[in-house]
Amino acid sequence: MIGTLQCVVLDCPEPRVLAEFYRGVLGGEVDRPGQEWSLDDDWSTLHHTAGVLAFQRVVEYVAPEWPGAERPQQFHLDVVVADLALATDEVLRLGASVLDDSHDGWTVFADPVGHPFCLVRS
């Protein structure tokens, strides 16, 4: 082993706003102080029992497109949920949008700045 995963970092135009969106989806604590990084307008974190998501400001942020290769998604998150319909309502309330709901048992969404993520029924 060379190392351990510290966090997953998502580019975005407003780090704190996107951290709060994912707190609404996953729970956890936004911007817990720590030695690993400084928290400011350009960097925000979400600490969760499963790990840390970090969000860094990109001034000229361009959202990925799903599906496609012109502006590829580069990664996405799968979030397991007990009730897909209820979870769908909640992420839409938080600012997500539906990208693809044609599958049985999972739906693809975009977060408020366009990163694709899936809700998957457990």
PDB file of N, CA and C in Angstrom:
ATOM      1  N   MET A   1       0.844  -1.175   0.000  1.00  0.00           N
ATOM      2  CA  MET A   1       0.000   0.000   0.000  1.00  0.00           C
ATOM      3  C   MET A   1       0.889   1.237   0.000  1.00  0.00           C
ATOM      4  N   ILE A   2       0.565   2.168  -0.842  1.00  0.00           N
ATOM      5  CA  ILE A   2       1.317   3.417  -0.922  1.00  0.00           C
ATOM      6  C   ILE A   2       0.742   4.465   0.005  1.00  0.00           C
ATOM      7  N   GLY A   3      -0.555   4.489   0.178  1.00  0.00           N
ATOM      8  CA  GLY A   3      -1.184   5.500   1.021  1.00  0.00           C
ATOM      9  C   GLY A   3      -2.634   5.165   1.273  1.00  0.00           C
ATOM     10  N   THR A   4      -3.354   6.100   1.880  1.00  0.00           N
ATOM     11  CA  THR A   4      -4.781   5.937   2.144  1.00  0.00           C
ATOM     12  C   THR A   4      -5.533   7.127   1.565  1.00  0.00           C
ATOM     13  N   LEU A   5      -6.757   6.909   1.234  1.00  0.00           N
ATOM     14  CA  LEU A   5      -7.585   7.962   0.668  1.00  0.00           C
ATOM     15  C   LEU A   5      -7.903   9.007   1.729  1.00  0.00           C
ATOM     16  N   GLN A   6      -7.582  10.254   1.459  1.00  0.00           N
ATOM     17  CA  GLN A   6      -7.908  11.334   2.381  1.00  0.00           C
ATOM     18  C   GLN A   6      -9.317  11.846   2.128  1.00  0.00           C
ATOM     19  N   CYS A   7      -9.643  12.116   0.856  1.00  0.00           N
ATOM     20  CA  CYS A   7     -10.958  12.633   0.515  1.00  0.00           C
ATOM     21  C   CYS A   7     -11.145  12.546  -0.996  1.00  0.00           C
ATOM     22  N   VAL A   8     -12.354  12.774  -1.427  1.00  0.00           N
ATOM     23  CA  VAL A   8     -12.680  12.935  -2.839  1.00  0.00           C
ATOM     24  C   VAL A   8     -13.003  14.411  -3.025  1.00  0.00           C
ATOM     25  N   VAL A   9     -12.408  15.044  -4.029  1.00  0.00           N
ATOM     26  CA  VAL A   9     -12.568  16.484  -4.235  1.00  0.00           C
ATOM     27  C   VAL A   9     -13.389  16.729  -5.502  1.00  0.00           C
ATOM     28  N   LEU A  10     -14.406  17.563  -5.365  1.00  0.00           N
ATOM     29  CA  LEU A  10     -15.244  17.945  -6.491  1.00  0.00           C
ATOM     30  C   LEU A  10     -14.996  19.404  -6.815  1.00  0.00           C
ATOM     31  N   ASP A  11     -14.727  19.712  -8.078  1.00  0.00           N
ATOM     32  CA  ASP A  11     -14.640  21.093  -8.523  1.00  0.00           C
ATOM     33  C   ASP A  11     -16.049  21.684  -8.566  1.00  0.00           C
ATOM     34  N   CYS A  12     -16.168  22.968  -8.285  1.00  0.00           N
ATOM     35  CA  CYS A  12     -17.473  23.618  -8.299  1.00  0.00           C
ATOM     36  C   CYS A  12     -17.291  25.133  -8.218  1.00  0.00           C
ATOM     37  N   PRO A  13     -18.352  25.895  -8.499  1.00  0.00           N
ATOM     38  CA  PRO A  13     -18.231  27.344  -8.404  1.00  0.00           C
ATOM     39  C   PRO A  13     -18.373  27.883  -6.980  1.00  0.00           C
ATOM     40  N   GLU A  14     -19.121  27.190  -6.097  1.00  0.00           N
ATOM     41  CA  GLU A  14     -19.356  27.658  -4.733  1.00  0.00           C
ATOM     42  C   GLU A  14     -19.212  26.493  -3.756  1.00  0.00           C
ATOM     43  N   PRO A  15     -18.020  26.296  -3.198  1.00  0.00           N
ATOM     44  CA  PRO A  15     -17.755  25.126  -2.362  1.00  0.00           C
ATOM     45  C   PRO A  15     -18.709  24.930  -1.188  1.00  0.00           C
ATOM     46  N   ARG A  16     -18.990  25.953  -0.428  1.00  0.00           N
ATOM     47  CA  ARG A  16     -19.852  25.788   0.753  1.00  0.00           C
ATOM     48  C   ARG A  16     -21.279  25.392   0.348  1.00  0.00           C
ATOM     49  N   VAL A  17     -21.775  25.968  -0.730  1.00  0.00           N
ATOM     50  CA  VAL A  17     -23.130  25.660  -1.202  1.00  0.00           C
ATOM     51  C   VAL A  17     -23.231  24.193  -1.582  1.00  0.00           C
ATOM     52  N   LEU A  18     -22.225  23.677  -2.306  1.00  0.00           N
ATOM     53  CA  LEU A  18     -22.275  22.275  -2.711  1.00  0.00           C
ATOM     54  C   LEU A  18     -22.058  21.342  -1.523  1.00  0.00           C
ATOM     55  N   ALA A  19     -21.228  21.743  -0.570  1.00  0.00           N
ATOM     56  CA  ALA A  19     -21.050  20.949   0.654  1.00  0.00           C
ATOM     57  C   ALA A  19     -22.372  20.834   1.403  1.00  0.00           C
ATOM     58  N   GLU A  20     -23.121  21.916   1.492  1.00  0.00           N
ATOM     59  CA  GLU A  20     -24.421  21.887   2.169  1.00  0.00           C
ATOM     60  C   GLU A  20     -25.415  21.010   1.417  1.00  0.00           C
ATOM     61  N   PHE A  21     -25.369  21.030   0.082  1.00  0.00           N
ATOM     62  CA  PHE A  21     -26.235  20.142  -0.701  1.00  0.00           C
ATOM     63  C   PHE A  21     -25.961  18.688  -0.326  1.00  0.00           C
ATOM     64  N   TYR A  22     -24.686  18.289  -0.333  1.00  0.00           N
ATOM     65  CA  TYR A  22     -24.356  16.900  -0.028  1.00  0.00           C
ATOM     66  C   TYR A  22     -24.583  16.558   1.444  1.00  0.00           C
ATOM     67  N   ARG A  23     -24.522  17.533   2.346  1.00  0.00           N
ATOM     68  CA  ARG A  23     -24.909  17.287   3.733  1.00  0.00           C
ATOM     69  C   ARG A  23     -26.383  16.926   3.790  1.00  0.00           C
ATOM     70  N   GLY A  24     -27.198  17.610   3.000  1.00  0.00           N
ATOM     71  CA  GLY A  24     -28.624  17.298   2.932  1.00  0.00           C
ATOM     72  C   GLY A  24     -28.883  15.903   2.393  1.00  0.00           C
ATOM     73  N   VAL A  25     -28.043  15.446   1.470  1.00  0.00           N
ATOM     74  CA  VAL A  25     -28.197  14.110   0.883  1.00  0.00           C
ATOM     75  C   VAL A  25     -27.652  13.029   1.810  1.00  0.00           C
ATOM     76  N   LEU A  26     -26.463  13.237   2.375  1.00  0.00           N
ATOM     77  CA  LEU A  26     -25.738  12.184   3.097  1.00  0.00           C
ATOM     78  C   LEU A  26     -25.668  12.368   4.609  1.00  0.00           C
ATOM     79  N   GLY A  27     -26.001  13.553   5.114  1.00  0.00           N
ATOM     80  CA  GLY A  27     -25.751  13.855   6.519  1.00  0.00           C
ATOM     81  C   GLY A  27     -24.294  14.231   6.692  1.00  0.00           C
ATOM     82  N   GLY A  28     -23.864  14.346   7.924  1.00  0.00           N
ATOM     83  CA  GLY A  28     -22.476  14.676   8.193  1.00  0.00           C
ATOM     84  C   GLY A  28     -22.303  16.107   8.659  1.00  0.00           C
ATOM     85  N   GLU A  29     -21.060  16.527   8.700  1.00  0.00           N
ATOM     86  CA  GLU A  29     -20.700  17.840   9.240  1.00  0.00           C
ATOM     87  C   GLU A  29     -19.917  18.628   8.192  1.00  0.00           C
ATOM     88  N   VAL A  30     -20.386  19.820   7.911  1.00  0.00           N
ATOM     89  CA  VAL A  30     -19.721  20.688   6.937  1.00  0.00           C
ATOM     90  C   VAL A  30     -18.636  21.496   7.639  1.00  0.00           C
ATOM     91  N   ASP A  31     -17.475  21.526   7.017  1.00  0.00           N
ATOM     92  CA  ASP A  31     -16.349  22.372   7.422  1.00  0.00           C
ATOM     93  C   ASP A  31     -15.865  22.135   8.855  1.00  0.00           C
ATOM     94  N   ARG A  32     -15.676  20.867   9.199  1.00  0.00           N
ATOM     95  CA  ARG A  32     -15.053  20.541  10.488  1.00  0.00           C
ATOM     96  C   ARG A  32     -13.598  20.999  10.430  1.00  0.00           C
ATOM     97  N   PRO A  33     -13.149  21.786  11.394  1.00  0.00           N
ATOM     98  CA  PRO A  33     -11.749  22.235  11.384  1.00  0.00           C
ATOM     99  C   PRO A  33     -10.784  21.040  11.478  1.00  0.00           C
ATOM    100  N   GLY A  34      -9.654  21.167  10.828  1.00  0.00           N
ATOM    101  CA  GLY A  34      -8.638  20.122  10.862  1.00  0.00           C
ATOM    102  C   GLY A  34      -7.325  20.637  10.330  1.00  0.00           C
ATOM    103  N   GLN A  35      -6.277  19.849  10.523  1.00  0.00           N
ATOM    104  CA  GLN A  35      -4.940  20.230  10.067  1.00  0.00           C
ATOM    105  C   GLN A  35      -4.722  19.962   8.577  1.00  0.00           C
ATOM    106  N   GLU A  36      -5.568  19.142   7.975  1.00  0.00           N
ATOM    107  CA  GLU A  36      -5.348  18.698   6.596  1.00  0.00           C
ATOM    108  C   GLU A  36      -5.472  19.819   5.579  1.00  0.00           C
ATOM    109  N   TRP A  37      -6.295  20.826   5.864  1.00  0.00           N
ATOM    110  CA  TRP A  37      -6.551  21.890   4.903  1.00  0.00           C
ATOM    111  C   TRP A  37      -7.096  23.102   5.630  1.00  0.00           C
ATOM    112  N   SER A  38      -7.077  24.228   4.952  1.00  0.00           N
ATOM    113  CA  SER A  38      -7.706  25.415   5.515  1.00  0.00           C
ATOM    114  C   SER A  38      -9.071  25.574   4.852  1.00  0.00           C
ATOM    115  N   LEU A  39     -10.023  26.053   5.612  1.00  0.00           N
ATOM    116  CA  LEU A  39     -11.380  26.247   5.132  1.00  0.00           C
ATOM    117  C   LEU A  39     -11.565  27.721   4.810  1.00  0.00           C
ATOM    118  N   ASP A  40     -12.008  28.004   3.588  1.00  0.00           N
ATOM    119  CA  ASP A  40     -12.232  29.384   3.173  1.00  0.00           C
ATOM    120  C   ASP A  40     -13.222  29.385   2.030  1.00  0.00           C
ATOM    121  N   ASP A  41     -13.355  30.512   1.347  1.00  0.00           N
ATOM    122  CA  ASP A  41     -14.312  30.604   0.246  1.00  0.00           C
ATOM    123  C   ASP A  41     -13.962  29.686  -0.919  1.00  0.00           C
ATOM    124  N   ASP A  42     -12.711  29.210  -0.979  1.00  0.00           N
ATOM    125  CA  ASP A  42     -12.269  28.363  -2.080  1.00  0.00           C
ATOM    126  C   ASP A  42     -12.247  26.879  -1.729  1.00  0.00           C
ATOM    127  N   TRP A  43     -12.573  26.510  -0.476  1.00  0.00           N
ATOM    128  CA  TRP A  43     -12.459  25.111  -0.052  1.00  0.00           C
ATOM    129  C   TRP A  43     -13.456  24.831   1.058  1.00  0.00           C
ATOM    130  N   SER A  44     -14.221  23.778   0.914  1.00  0.00           N
ATOM    131  CA  SER A  44     -15.167  23.368   1.937  1.00  0.00           C
ATOM    132  C   SER A  44     -15.129  21.849   2.025  1.00  0.00           C
ATOM    133  N   THR A  45     -15.551  21.296   3.167  1.00  0.00           N
ATOM    134  CA  THR A  45     -15.517  19.841   3.352  1.00  0.00           C
ATOM    135  C   THR A  45     -16.835  19.342   3.940  1.00  0.00           C
ATOM    136  N   LEU A  46     -17.103  18.072   3.691  1.00  0.00           N
ATOM    137  CA  LEU A  46     -18.203  17.359   4.328  1.00  0.00           C
ATOM    138  C   LEU A  46     -17.618  16.103   4.948  1.00  0.00           C
ATOM    139  N   HIS A  47     -17.656  16.033   6.275  1.00  0.00           N
ATOM    140  CA  HIS A  47     -17.157  14.872   7.005  1.00  0.00           C
ATOM    141  C   HIS A  47     -18.328  13.951   7.303  1.00  0.00           C
ATOM    142  N   HIS A  48     -18.179  12.691   6.928  1.00  0.00           N
ATOM    143  CA  HIS A  48     -19.235  11.692   7.060  1.00  0.00           C
ATOM    144  C   HIS A  48     -18.596  10.425   7.598  1.00  0.00           C
ATOM    145  N   THR A  49     -19.380   9.546   8.166  1.00  0.00           N
ATOM    146  CA  THR A  49     -18.828   8.293   8.685  1.00  0.00           C
ATOM    147  C   THR A  49     -18.130   7.485   7.598  1.00  0.00           C
ATOM    148  N   ALA A  50     -18.524   7.663   6.344  1.00  0.00           N
ATOM    149  CA  ALA A  50     -17.902   6.928   5.242  1.00  0.00           C
ATOM    150  C   ALA A  50     -16.651   7.611   4.708  1.00  0.00           C
ATOM    151  N   GLY A  51     -16.352   8.841   5.146  1.00  0.00           N
ATOM    152  CA  GLY A  51     -15.168   9.535   4.663  1.00  0.00           C
ATOM    153  C   GLY A  51     -15.432  11.023   4.479  1.00  0.00           C
ATOM    154  N   VAL A  52     -14.590  11.649   3.680  1.00  0.00           N
ATOM    155  CA  VAL A  52     -14.664  13.098   3.487  1.00  0.00           C
ATOM    156  C   VAL A  52     -14.831  13.411   2.002  1.00  0.00           C
ATOM    157  N   LEU A  53     -15.804  14.271   1.715  1.00  0.00           N
ATOM    158  CA  LEU A  53     -15.913  14.896   0.404  1.00  0.00           C
ATOM    159  C   LEU A  53     -15.403  16.309   0.569  1.00  0.00           C
ATOM    160  N   ALA A  54     -14.614  16.767  -0.370  1.00  0.00           N
ATOM    161  CA  ALA A  54     -14.121  18.140  -0.342  1.00  0.00           C
ATOM    162  C   ALA A  54     -14.569  18.832  -1.624  1.00  0.00           C
ATOM    163  N   PHE A  55     -14.675  20.142  -1.543  1.00  0.00           N
ATOM    164  CA  PHE A  55     -15.193  20.929  -2.647  1.00  0.00           C
ATOM    165  C   PHE A  55     -14.273  22.116  -2.852  1.00  0.00           C
ATOM    166  N   GLN A  56     -13.751  22.253  -4.089  1.00  0.00           N
ATOM    167  CA  GLN A  56     -12.821  23.350  -4.363  1.00  0.00           C
ATOM    168  C   GLN A  56     -13.366  24.241  -5.464  1.00  0.00           C
ATOM    169  N   ARG A  57     -13.189  25.558  -5.241  1.00  0.00           N
ATOM    170  CA  ARG A  57     -13.696  26.533  -6.196  1.00  0.00           C
ATOM    171  C   ARG A  57     -12.884  26.487  -7.490  1.00  0.00           C
ATOM    172  N   VAL A  58     -13.611  26.484  -8.599  1.00  0.00           N
ATOM    173  CA  VAL A  58     -13.034  26.651  -9.921  1.00  0.00           C
ATOM    174  C   VAL A  58     -13.773  27.832 -10.537  1.00  0.00           C
ATOM    175  N   VAL A  59     -13.040  28.905 -10.792  1.00  0.00           N
ATOM    176  CA  VAL A  59     -13.664  30.152 -11.232  1.00  0.00           C
ATOM    177  C   VAL A  59     -14.427  29.972 -12.537  1.00  0.00           C
ATOM    178  N   GLU A  60     -13.846  29.301 -13.492  1.00  0.00           N
ATOM    179  CA  GLU A  60     -14.512  29.102 -14.785  1.00  0.00           C
ATOM    180  C   GLU A  60     -15.033  27.676 -14.889  1.00  0.00           C
ATOM    181  N   TYR A  61     -15.752  27.235 -13.863  1.00  0.00           N
ATOM    182  CA  TYR A  61     -16.289  25.880 -13.797  1.00  0.00           C
ATOM    183  C   TYR A  61     -17.231  25.599 -14.965  1.00  0.00           C
ATOM    184  N   VAL A  62     -17.065  24.444 -15.591  1.00  0.00           N
ATOM    185  CA  VAL A  62     -17.949  23.968 -16.650  1.00  0.00           C
ATOM    186  C   VAL A  62     -18.490  22.621 -16.208  1.00  0.00           C
ATOM    187  N   ALA A  63     -19.791  22.504 -16.111  1.00  0.00           N
ATOM    188  CA  ALA A  63     -20.419  21.269 -15.638  1.00  0.00           C
ATOM    189  C   ALA A  63     -20.216  20.136 -16.641  1.00  0.00           C
ATOM    190  N   PRO A  64     -20.071  18.912 -16.137  1.00  0.00           N
ATOM    191  CA  PRO A  64     -20.013  17.760 -17.033  1.00  0.00           C
ATOM    192  C   PRO A  64     -21.376  17.525 -17.672  1.00  0.00           C
ATOM    193  N   GLU A  65     -21.391  16.763 -18.757  1.00  0.00           N
ATOM    194  CA  GLU A  65     -22.637  16.374 -19.401  1.00  0.00           C
ATOM    195  C   GLU A  65     -22.789  14.873 -19.260  1.00  0.00           C
ATOM    196  N   TRP A  66     -24.016  14.436 -19.030  1.00  0.00           N
ATOM    197  CA  TRP A  66     -24.262  13.001 -18.898  1.00  0.00           C
ATOM    198  C   TRP A  66     -25.355  12.606 -19.852  1.00  0.00           C
ATOM    199  N   PRO A  67     -25.232  11.542 -20.600  1.00  0.00           N
ATOM    200  CA  PRO A  67     -23.966  10.859 -20.879  1.00  0.00           C
ATOM    201  C   PRO A  67     -23.236  11.619 -21.972  1.00  0.00           C
ATOM    202  N   GLY A  68     -22.033  11.275 -22.233  1.00  0.00           N
ATOM    203  CA  GLY A  68     -21.302  11.919 -23.301  1.00  0.00           C
ATOM    204  C   GLY A  68     -19.833  12.029 -23.005  1.00  0.00           C
ATOM    205  N   ALA A  69     -19.068  12.367 -24.028  1.00  0.00           N
ATOM    206  CA  ALA A  69     -17.627  12.472 -23.884  1.00  0.00           C
ATOM    207  C   ALA A  69     -17.113  13.876 -24.152  1.00  0.00           C
ATOM    208  N   GLU A  70     -17.965  14.772 -24.647  1.00  0.00           N
ATOM    209  CA  GLU A  70     -17.520  16.148 -24.893  1.00  0.00           C
ATOM    210  C   GLU A  70     -17.058  16.799 -23.593  1.00  0.00           C
ATOM    211  N   ARG A  71     -17.883  16.689 -22.560  1.00  0.00           N
ATOM    212  CA  ARG A  71     -17.554  17.160 -21.218  1.00  0.00           C
ATOM    213  C   ARG A  71     -17.881  16.007 -20.274  1.00  0.00           C
ATOM    214  N   PRO A  72     -16.978  15.018 -20.158  1.00  0.00           N
ATOM    215  CA  PRO A  72     -17.276  13.785 -19.425  1.00  0.00           C
ATOM    216  C   PRO A  72     -17.487  14.021 -17.931  1.00  0.00           C
ATOM    217  N   GLN A  73     -18.268  13.100 -17.341  1.00  0.00           N
ATOM    218  CA  GLN A  73     -18.563  13.219 -15.920  1.00  0.00           C
ATOM    219  C   GLN A  73     -17.338  12.973 -15.064  1.00  0.00           C
ATOM    220  N   GLN A  74     -16.367  12.214 -15.499  1.00  0.00           N
ATOM    221  CA  GLN A  74     -15.105  11.937 -14.824  1.00  0.00           C
ATOM    222  C   GLN A  74     -15.260  11.106 -13.565  1.00  0.00           C
ATOM    223  N   PHE A  75     -16.344  11.198 -12.861  1.00  0.00           N
ATOM    224  CA  PHE A  75     -16.657  10.364 -11.714  1.00  0.00           C
ATOM    225  C   PHE A  75     -18.125  10.605 -11.389  1.00  0.00           C
ATOM    226  N   HIS A  76     -18.691   9.710 -10.602  1.00  0.00           N
ATOM    227  CA  HIS A  76     -19.997   9.990 -10.011  1.00  0.00           C
ATOM    228  C   HIS A  76     -20.111   9.225  -8.707  1.00  0.00           C
ATOM    229  N   LEU A  77     -21.045   9.641  -7.879  1.00  0.00           N
ATOM    230  CA  LEU A  77     -21.287   8.998  -6.596  1.00  0.00           C
ATOM    231  C   LEU A  77     -22.540   8.148  -6.693  1.00  0.00           C
ATOM    232  N   ASP A  78     -22.508   6.959  -6.110  1.00  0.00           N
ATOM    233  CA  ASP A  78     -23.702   6.141  -5.940  1.00  0.00           C
ATOM    234  C   ASP A  78     -24.093   6.218  -4.469  1.00  0.00           C
ATOM    235  N   VAL A  79     -25.330   6.584  -4.213  1.00  0.00           N
ATOM    236  CA  VAL A  79     -25.844   6.713  -2.856  1.00  0.00           C
ATOM    237  C   VAL A  79     -26.965   5.693  -2.682  1.00  0.00           C
ATOM    238  N   VAL A  80     -26.791   4.743  -1.763  1.00  0.00           N
ATOM    239  CA  VAL A  80     -27.787   3.707  -1.513  1.00  0.00           C
ATOM    240  C   VAL A  80     -28.880   4.274  -0.621  1.00  0.00           C
ATOM    241  N   VAL A  81     -30.140   4.042  -1.008  1.00  0.00           N
ATOM    242  CA  VAL A  81     -31.287   4.551  -0.248  1.00  0.00           C
ATOM    243  C   VAL A  81     -32.313   3.436  -0.048  1.00  0.00           C
ATOM    244  N   ALA A  82     -33.056   3.512   1.052  1.00  0.00           N
ATOM    245  CA  ALA A  82     -34.087   2.516   1.336  1.00  0.00           C
ATOM    246  C   ALA A  82     -35.342   2.768   0.504  1.00  0.00           C
ATOM    247  N   ASP A  83     -35.703   4.024   0.320  1.00  0.00           N
ATOM    248  CA  ASP A  83     -36.935   4.392  -0.389  1.00  0.00           C
ATOM    249  C   ASP A  83     -36.558   5.357  -1.513  1.00  0.00           C
ATOM    250  N   LEU A  84     -36.520   4.856  -2.728  1.00  0.00           N
ATOM    251  CA  LEU A  84     -36.070   5.655  -3.871  1.00  0.00           C
ATOM    252  C   LEU A  84     -36.983   6.848  -4.121  1.00  0.00           C
ATOM    253  N   ALA A  85     -38.288   6.667  -4.009  1.00  0.00           N
ATOM    254  CA  ALA A  85     -39.221   7.767  -4.266  1.00  0.00           C
ATOM    255  C   ALA A  85     -39.043   8.883  -3.237  1.00  0.00           C
ATOM    256  N   LEU A  86     -38.943   8.522  -1.971  1.00  0.00           N
ATOM    257  CA  LEU A  86     -38.751   9.517  -0.922  1.00  0.00           C
ATOM    258  C   LEU A  86     -37.413  10.235  -1.089  1.00  0.00           C
ATOM    259  N   ALA A  87     -36.362   9.468  -1.372  1.00  0.00           N
ATOM    260  CA  ALA A  87     -35.038  10.060  -1.563  1.00  0.00           C
ATOM    261  C   ALA A  87     -35.028  10.988  -2.775  1.00  0.00           C
ATOM    262  N   THR A  88     -35.735  10.603  -3.824  1.00  0.00           N
ATOM    263  CA  THR A  88     -35.835  11.453  -5.017  1.00  0.00           C
ATOM    264  C   THR A  88     -36.464  12.795  -4.660  1.00  0.00           C
ATOM    265  N   ASP A  89     -37.569  12.748  -3.921  1.00  0.00           N
ATOM    266  CA  ASP A  89     -38.220  13.997  -3.508  1.00  0.00           C
ATOM    267  C   ASP A  89     -37.262  14.880  -2.721  1.00  0.00           C
ATOM    268  N   GLU A  90     -36.499  14.272  -1.831  1.00  0.00           N
ATOM    269  CA  GLU A  90     -35.586  15.045  -0.984  1.00  0.00           C
ATOM    270  C   GLU A  90     -34.455  15.691  -1.783  1.00  0.00           C
ATOM    271  N   VAL A  91     -33.817  14.923  -2.699  1.00  0.00           N
ATOM    272  CA  VAL A  91     -32.711  15.532  -3.452  1.00  0.00           C
ATOM    273  C   VAL A  91     -33.221  16.602  -4.412  1.00  0.00           C
ATOM    274  N   LEU A  92     -34.417  16.422  -4.943  1.00  0.00           N
ATOM    275  CA  LEU A  92     -34.994  17.467  -5.792  1.00  0.00           C
ATOM    276  C   LEU A  92     -35.269  18.729  -4.972  1.00  0.00           C
ATOM    277  N   ARG A  93     -35.762  18.561  -3.747  1.00  0.00           N
ATOM    278  CA  ARG A  93     -36.002  19.693  -2.859  1.00  0.00           C
ATOM    279  C   ARG A  93     -34.700  20.431  -2.558  1.00  0.00           C
ATOM    280  N   LEU A  94     -33.602  19.680  -2.463  1.00  0.00           N
ATOM    281  CA  LEU A  94     -32.304  20.286  -2.163  1.00  0.00           C
ATOM    282  C   LEU A  94     -31.655  20.969  -3.364  1.00  0.00           C
ATOM    283  N   GLY A  95     -32.187  20.735  -4.560  1.00  0.00           N
ATOM    284  CA  GLY A  95     -31.644  21.415  -5.730  1.00  0.00           C
ATOM    285  C   GLY A  95     -31.102  20.518  -6.821  1.00  0.00           C
ATOM    286  N   ALA A  96     -31.242  19.207  -6.678  1.00  0.00           N
ATOM    287  CA  ALA A  96     -30.804  18.282  -7.732  1.00  0.00           C
ATOM    288  C   ALA A  96     -31.787  18.333  -8.898  1.00  0.00           C
ATOM    289  N   SER A  97     -31.353  17.800 -10.029  1.00  0.00           N
ATOM    290  CA  SER A  97     -32.253  17.640 -11.168  1.00  0.00           C
ATOM    291  C   SER A  97     -32.080  16.227 -11.718  1.00  0.00           C
ATOM    292  N   VAL A  98     -33.133  15.695 -12.291  1.00  0.00           N
ATOM    293  CA  VAL A  98     -33.125  14.335 -12.833  1.00  0.00           C
ATOM    294  C   VAL A  98     -32.443  14.338 -14.200  1.00  0.00           C
ATOM    295  N   LEU A  99     -31.491  13.424 -14.388  1.00  0.00           N
ATOM    296  CA  LEU A  99     -30.858  13.236 -15.690  1.00  0.00           C
ATOM    297  C   LEU A  99     -31.431  12.016 -16.408  1.00  0.00           C
ATOM    298  N   ASP A 100     -31.733  10.950 -15.653  1.00  0.00           N
ATOM    299  CA  ASP A 100     -32.212   9.703 -16.266  1.00  0.00           C
ATOM    300  C   ASP A 100     -32.968   8.892 -15.220  1.00  0.00           C
ATOM    301  N   ASP A 101     -34.263   8.746 -15.422  1.00  0.00           N
ATOM    302  CA  ASP A 101     -35.067   7.944 -14.503  1.00  0.00           C
ATOM    303  C   ASP A 101     -35.686   6.738 -15.208  1.00  0.00           C
ATOM    304  N   SER A 102     -35.005   6.237 -16.221  1.00  0.00           N
ATOM    305  CA  SER A 102     -35.542   5.141 -17.024  1.00  0.00           C
ATOM    306  C   SER A 102     -35.150   3.761 -16.514  1.00  0.00           C
ATOM    307  N   HIS A 103     -34.465   3.670 -15.395  1.00  0.00           N
ATOM    308  CA  HIS A 103     -33.969   2.390 -14.883  1.00  0.00           C
ATOM    309  C   HIS A 103     -34.800   1.934 -13.688  1.00  0.00           C
ATOM    310  N   ASP A 104     -34.891   0.637 -13.521  1.00  0.00           N
ATOM    311  CA  ASP A 104     -35.594   0.078 -12.378  1.00  0.00           C
ATOM    312  C   ASP A 104     -34.618  -0.053 -11.211  1.00  0.00           C
ATOM    313  N   GLY A 105     -34.847   0.701 -10.148  1.00  0.00           N
ATOM    314  CA  GLY A 105     -34.013   0.569  -8.969  1.00  0.00           C
ATOM    315  C   GLY A 105     -32.965   1.645  -8.793  1.00  0.00           C
ATOM    316  N   TRP A 106     -32.782   2.508  -9.764  1.00  0.00           N
ATOM    317  CA  TRP A 106     -31.824   3.603  -9.601  1.00  0.00           C
ATOM    318  C   TRP A 106     -32.160   4.742 -10.551  1.00  0.00           C
ATOM    319  N   THR A 107     -31.783   5.948 -10.142  1.00  0.00           N
ATOM    320  CA  THR A 107     -32.032   7.154 -10.925  1.00  0.00           C
ATOM    321  C   THR A 107     -30.764   7.995 -10.930  1.00  0.00           C
ATOM    322  N   VAL A 108     -30.476   8.591 -12.072  1.00  0.00           N
ATOM    323  CA  VAL A 108     -29.310   9.459 -12.216  1.00  0.00           C
ATOM    324  C   VAL A 108     -29.774  10.905 -12.072  1.00  0.00           C
ATOM    325  N   PHE A 109     -29.067  11.648 -11.232  1.00  0.00           N
ATOM    326  CA  PHE A 109     -29.359  13.055 -10.976  1.00  0.00           C
ATOM    327  C   PHE A 109     -28.122  13.885 -11.265  1.00  0.00           C
ATOM    328  N   ALA A 110     -28.313  15.185 -11.325  1.00  0.00           N
ATOM    329  CA  ALA A 110     -27.199  16.138 -11.308  1.00  0.00           C
ATOM    330  C   ALA A 110     -27.335  16.940 -10.030  1.00  0.00           C
ATOM    331  N   ASP A 111     -26.203  17.167  -9.349  1.00  0.00           N
ATOM    332  CA  ASP A 111     -26.230  18.055  -8.192  1.00  0.00           C
ATOM    333  C   ASP A 111     -26.423  19.490  -8.705  1.00  0.00           C
ATOM    334  N   PRO A 112     -26.522  20.475  -7.833  1.00  0.00           N
ATOM    335  CA  PRO A 112     -26.821  21.835  -8.293  1.00  0.00           C
ATOM    336  C   PRO A 112     -25.824  22.435  -9.287  1.00  0.00           C
ATOM    337  N   VAL A 113     -24.604  21.879  -9.385  1.00  0.00           N
ATOM    338  CA  VAL A 113     -23.655  22.413 -10.371  1.00  0.00           C
ATOM    339  C   VAL A 113     -23.339  21.412 -11.471  1.00  0.00           C
ATOM    340  N   GLY A 114     -24.131  20.334 -11.584  1.00  0.00           N
ATOM    341  CA  GLY A 114     -24.033  19.443 -12.728  1.00  0.00           C
ATOM    342  C   GLY A 114     -23.306  18.135 -12.544  1.00  0.00           C
ATOM    343  N   HIS A 115     -22.721  17.857 -11.359  1.00  0.00           N
ATOM    344  CA  HIS A 115     -22.060  16.567 -11.159  1.00  0.00           C
ATOM    345  C   HIS A 115     -23.114  15.459 -11.115  1.00  0.00           C
ATOM    346  N   PRO A 116     -22.981  14.434 -11.939  1.00  0.00           N
ATOM    347  CA  PRO A 116     -23.925  13.320 -11.879  1.00  0.00           C
ATOM    348  C   PRO A 116     -23.749  12.506 -10.592  1.00  0.00           C
ATOM    349  N   PHE A 117     -24.860  12.028 -10.053  1.00  0.00           N
ATOM    350  CA  PHE A 117     -24.831  11.057  -8.953  1.00  0.00           C
ATOM    351  C   PHE A 117     -26.081  10.203  -9.069  1.00  0.00           C
ATOM    352  N   CYS A 118     -26.004   9.002  -8.511  1.00  0.00           N
ATOM    353  CA  CYS A 118     -27.124   8.068  -8.583  1.00  0.00           C
ATOM    354  C   CYS A 118     -27.679   7.786  -7.214  1.00  0.00           C
ATOM    355  N   LEU A 119     -28.999   7.700  -7.130  1.00  0.00           N
ATOM    356  CA  LEU A 119     -29.646   7.114  -5.961  1.00  0.00           C
ATOM    357  C   LEU A 119     -30.003   5.697  -6.354  1.00  0.00           C
ATOM    358  N   VAL A 120     -29.565   4.736  -5.531  1.00  0.00           N
ATOM    359  CA  VAL A 120     -29.748   3.318  -5.834  1.00  0.00           C
ATOM    360  C   VAL A 120     -30.555   2.704  -4.696  1.00  0.00           C
ATOM    361  N   ARG A 121     -31.662   2.067  -5.047  1.00  0.00           N
ATOM    362  CA  ARG A 121     -32.497   1.428  -4.029  1.00  0.00           C
ATOM    363  C   ARG A 121     -31.758   0.236  -3.442  1.00  0.00           C
ATOM    364  N   SER A 122     -31.750   0.145  -2.096  1.00  0.00           N
ATOM    365  CA  SER A 122     -31.046  -0.961  -1.433  1.00  0.00           C
ATOM    366  C   SER A 122     -31.820  -2.265  -1.569  1.00  0.00           C
TER     367      SER A 122
END
